[in-house]
C-alpha cells in the first residue's frame, strides 16, 4: 500500500478507474518513462490508457476460440 500511496495523485486517480489491475511498480515505471520523454501529465495518462488498450486487445485476441469446423 505504501508504494501505491507514493504515486503521483493523477496516476493514483487513473489507476482507480483502470480496467486492469496495474501494480504500482509497473505504473510508476511507465509514468517515469513518459515524463523522461517530456510528456505532460495529460499525455502521460493518455499513453497509459493506450498501453492498457493494447493489453486488453491482445488478451481478447488470445482468448478467442477459433470457429469449429463444420462436418
N, C-alpha and C. Protein backbone atom coordinates (compact mmCIF):
# COMPACT_ATOMS: atom_id res chain seq x y z
N UNK A 1 0.82 -1.19 0.00
CA UNK A 1 0.00 0.00 0.00
C UNK A 1 0.86 1.25 0.00
N UNK A 2 2.03 1.15 0.60
CA UNK A 2 2.94 2.28 0.66
C UNK A 2 3.39 2.71 -0.74
N UNK A 3 3.65 1.72 -1.61
CA UNK A 3 4.08 2.02 -2.98
C UNK A 3 2.97 2.76 -3.72
N UNK A 4 1.73 2.34 -3.51
CA UNK A 4 0.59 2.99 -4.16
C UNK A 4 0.44 4.42 -3.64
N UNK A 5 0.53 4.60 -2.35
CA UNK A 5 0.37 5.92 -1.74
C UNK A 5 1.46 6.90 -2.20
N UNK A 6 2.62 6.38 -2.58
CA UNK A 6 3.73 7.23 -3.01
C UNK A 6 3.59 7.69 -4.46
N UNK A 7 2.63 7.15 -5.20
CA UNK A 7 2.45 7.53 -6.60
C UNK A 7 1.90 8.95 -6.70
N UNK A 8 2.18 9.64 -7.81
CA UNK A 8 1.60 10.97 -8.01
C UNK A 8 0.06 10.88 -8.04
N UNK A 9 -0.60 11.90 -7.54
CA UNK A 9 -2.07 11.90 -7.45
C UNK A 9 -2.75 11.60 -8.79
N UNK A 10 -2.33 12.22 -9.90
CA UNK A 10 -3.02 11.91 -11.17
C UNK A 10 -2.89 10.43 -11.56
N UNK A 11 -1.76 9.84 -11.25
CA UNK A 11 -1.57 8.42 -11.56
C UNK A 11 -2.45 7.56 -10.67
N UNK A 12 -2.56 7.90 -9.40
CA UNK A 12 -3.45 7.15 -8.49
C UNK A 12 -4.89 7.25 -8.97
N UNK A 13 -5.30 8.43 -9.42
CA UNK A 13 -6.67 8.60 -9.93
C UNK A 13 -6.88 7.75 -11.17
N UNK A 14 -5.91 7.72 -12.06
CA UNK A 14 -6.02 6.92 -13.27
C UNK A 14 -6.12 5.44 -12.91
N UNK A 15 -5.29 4.99 -11.98
CA UNK A 15 -5.32 3.58 -11.57
C UNK A 15 -6.67 3.21 -10.96
N UNK A 16 -7.31 4.17 -10.30
CA UNK A 16 -8.62 3.92 -9.70
C UNK A 16 -9.70 3.59 -10.71
N UNK A 17 -9.53 4.04 -11.96
CA UNK A 17 -10.53 3.76 -12.99
C UNK A 17 -10.01 2.78 -14.04
N UNK A 18 -8.78 2.30 -13.88
CA UNK A 18 -8.18 1.40 -14.87
C UNK A 18 -8.93 0.08 -14.95
N UNK A 19 -8.97 -0.48 -16.13
CA UNK A 19 -9.64 -1.76 -16.34
C UNK A 19 -8.80 -2.94 -15.87
N UNK A 20 -7.49 -2.77 -15.88
CA UNK A 20 -6.58 -3.83 -15.47
C UNK A 20 -6.02 -3.56 -14.08
N UNK A 21 -5.64 -4.61 -13.38
CA UNK A 21 -5.07 -4.43 -12.04
C UNK A 21 -3.57 -4.13 -12.12
N UNK A 22 -3.23 -2.90 -12.42
CA UNK A 22 -1.83 -2.48 -12.55
C UNK A 22 -1.13 -2.55 -11.20
N UNK A 23 0.11 -2.96 -11.22
CA UNK A 23 0.91 -2.88 -9.99
C UNK A 23 1.47 -1.47 -9.89
N UNK A 24 1.66 -0.97 -8.69
CA UNK A 24 2.24 0.36 -8.53
C UNK A 24 3.61 0.47 -9.20
N UNK A 25 4.39 -0.60 -9.17
CA UNK A 25 5.72 -0.59 -9.77
C UNK A 25 5.62 -0.41 -11.29
N UNK A 26 4.75 -1.17 -11.94
CA UNK A 26 4.58 -1.05 -13.39
C UNK A 26 4.06 0.33 -13.78
N UNK A 27 3.09 0.80 -13.05
CA UNK A 27 2.51 2.11 -13.35
C UNK A 27 3.55 3.21 -13.18
N UNK A 28 4.32 3.14 -12.11
CA UNK A 28 5.37 4.15 -11.87
C UNK A 28 6.42 4.10 -12.98
N UNK A 29 6.79 2.90 -13.41
CA UNK A 29 7.80 2.76 -14.46
C UNK A 29 7.34 3.46 -15.73
N UNK A 30 6.11 3.23 -16.16
CA UNK A 30 5.59 3.88 -17.36
C UNK A 30 5.45 5.38 -17.17
N UNK A 31 5.03 5.78 -15.99
CA UNK A 31 4.89 7.20 -15.66
C UNK A 31 6.24 7.91 -15.78
N UNK A 32 7.25 7.31 -15.18
CA UNK A 32 8.58 7.93 -15.20
C UNK A 32 9.17 7.95 -16.61
N UNK A 33 8.95 6.90 -17.37
CA UNK A 33 9.45 6.85 -18.75
C UNK A 33 8.80 7.95 -19.59
N UNK A 34 7.50 8.13 -19.44
CA UNK A 34 6.80 9.17 -20.20
C UNK A 34 7.28 10.56 -19.80
N UNK A 35 7.48 10.78 -18.53
CA UNK A 35 7.96 12.09 -18.07
C UNK A 35 9.39 12.34 -18.53
N UNK A 36 10.21 11.29 -18.60
CA UNK A 36 11.57 11.45 -19.09
C UNK A 36 11.58 11.86 -20.56
N UNK A 37 10.53 11.49 -21.28
CA UNK A 37 10.40 11.86 -22.69
C UNK A 37 9.81 13.26 -22.85
N UNK A 38 9.47 13.88 -21.73
CA UNK A 38 8.96 15.25 -21.76
C UNK A 38 7.46 15.35 -21.97
N UNK A 39 6.74 14.26 -21.77
CA UNK A 39 5.28 14.29 -21.94
C UNK A 39 4.63 15.01 -20.76
N UNK A 40 3.52 15.67 -21.04
CA UNK A 40 2.74 16.33 -19.98
C UNK A 40 1.99 15.27 -19.19
N UNK A 41 1.37 15.68 -18.11
CA UNK A 41 0.56 14.75 -17.30
C UNK A 41 -0.55 14.15 -18.16
N UNK A 42 -1.22 14.99 -18.94
CA UNK A 42 -2.32 14.51 -19.78
C UNK A 42 -1.81 13.52 -20.82
N UNK A 43 -0.68 13.82 -21.44
CA UNK A 43 -0.11 12.91 -22.44
C UNK A 43 0.34 11.60 -21.79
N UNK A 44 0.87 11.70 -20.60
CA UNK A 44 1.31 10.51 -19.88
C UNK A 44 0.12 9.62 -19.56
N UNK A 45 -0.96 10.21 -19.09
CA UNK A 45 -2.16 9.42 -18.78
C UNK A 45 -2.74 8.81 -20.05
N UNK A 46 -2.68 9.55 -21.16
CA UNK A 46 -3.16 9.01 -22.44
C UNK A 46 -2.29 7.83 -22.87
N UNK A 47 -0.99 7.91 -22.65
CA UNK A 47 -0.11 6.79 -23.03
C UNK A 47 -0.39 5.57 -22.16
N UNK A 48 -0.71 5.78 -20.90
CA UNK A 48 -1.10 4.66 -20.03
C UNK A 48 -2.39 4.02 -20.53
N UNK A 49 -3.34 4.84 -20.93
CA UNK A 49 -4.60 4.32 -21.46
C UNK A 49 -4.37 3.54 -22.75
N UNK A 50 -3.47 4.02 -23.58
CA UNK A 50 -3.14 3.31 -24.82
C UNK A 50 -2.47 1.96 -24.52
N UNK A 51 -1.57 1.95 -23.57
CA UNK A 51 -0.91 0.70 -23.18
C UNK A 51 -1.93 -0.30 -22.64
N UNK A 52 -2.86 0.19 -21.86
CA UNK A 52 -3.90 -0.67 -21.32
C UNK A 52 -4.79 -1.21 -22.43
N UNK A 53 -5.15 -0.36 -23.39
CA UNK A 53 -6.00 -0.79 -24.51
C UNK A 53 -5.29 -1.85 -25.35
N UNK A 54 -3.99 -1.68 -25.57
CA UNK A 54 -3.23 -2.68 -26.33
C UNK A 54 -3.22 -4.02 -25.59
N UNK A 55 -3.04 -3.97 -24.28
CA UNK A 55 -3.04 -5.21 -23.49
C UNK A 55 -4.40 -5.88 -23.53
N UNK A 56 -5.46 -5.10 -23.38
CA UNK A 56 -6.80 -5.68 -23.42
C UNK A 56 -7.09 -6.28 -24.79
N UNK A 57 -6.68 -5.61 -25.85
CA UNK A 57 -6.91 -6.12 -27.21
C UNK A 57 -6.13 -7.42 -27.42
N UNK A 58 -4.90 -7.46 -26.94
CA UNK A 58 -4.08 -8.66 -27.07
C UNK A 58 -4.71 -9.81 -26.29
N UNK A 59 -5.18 -9.52 -25.08
CA UNK A 59 -5.81 -10.55 -24.26
C UNK A 59 -7.10 -11.05 -24.91
N UNK A 60 -7.87 -10.15 -25.47
CA UNK A 60 -9.12 -10.53 -26.13
C UNK A 60 -8.82 -11.40 -27.34
N UNK A 61 -7.81 -11.02 -28.09
CA UNK A 61 -7.44 -11.78 -29.28
C UNK A 61 -6.95 -13.18 -28.90
N UNK A 62 -6.21 -13.30 -27.83
CA UNK A 62 -5.66 -14.60 -27.45
C UNK A 62 -6.70 -15.51 -26.82
N UNK A 63 -7.81 -14.97 -26.35
CA UNK A 63 -8.82 -15.81 -25.72
C UNK A 63 -9.96 -16.19 -26.67
N UNK A 64 -9.94 -15.64 -27.88
CA UNK A 64 -10.97 -16.01 -28.84
C UNK A 64 -10.75 -17.44 -29.27
N UNK A 65 -11.84 -18.19 -29.35
CA UNK A 65 -11.75 -19.56 -29.80
C UNK A 65 -11.99 -19.60 -31.32
N UNK A 66 -11.16 -20.32 -32.01
CA UNK A 66 -11.38 -20.38 -33.45
C UNK A 66 -12.69 -21.09 -33.76
N UNK A 67 -13.32 -20.75 -34.86
CA UNK A 67 -14.59 -21.41 -35.19
C UNK A 67 -14.36 -22.90 -35.39
N UNK A 68 -15.31 -23.68 -34.93
CA UNK A 68 -15.18 -25.14 -35.09
C UNK A 68 -15.51 -25.53 -36.53
N UNK A 69 -14.77 -26.51 -37.06
CA UNK A 69 -15.03 -26.94 -38.44
C UNK A 69 -16.39 -27.61 -38.51
N UNK A 70 -17.09 -27.33 -39.57
CA UNK A 70 -18.41 -27.93 -39.75
C UNK A 70 -18.29 -29.24 -40.49
N UNK A 71 -19.02 -30.24 -40.03
CA UNK A 71 -18.95 -31.58 -40.64
C UNK A 71 -19.82 -31.69 -41.85
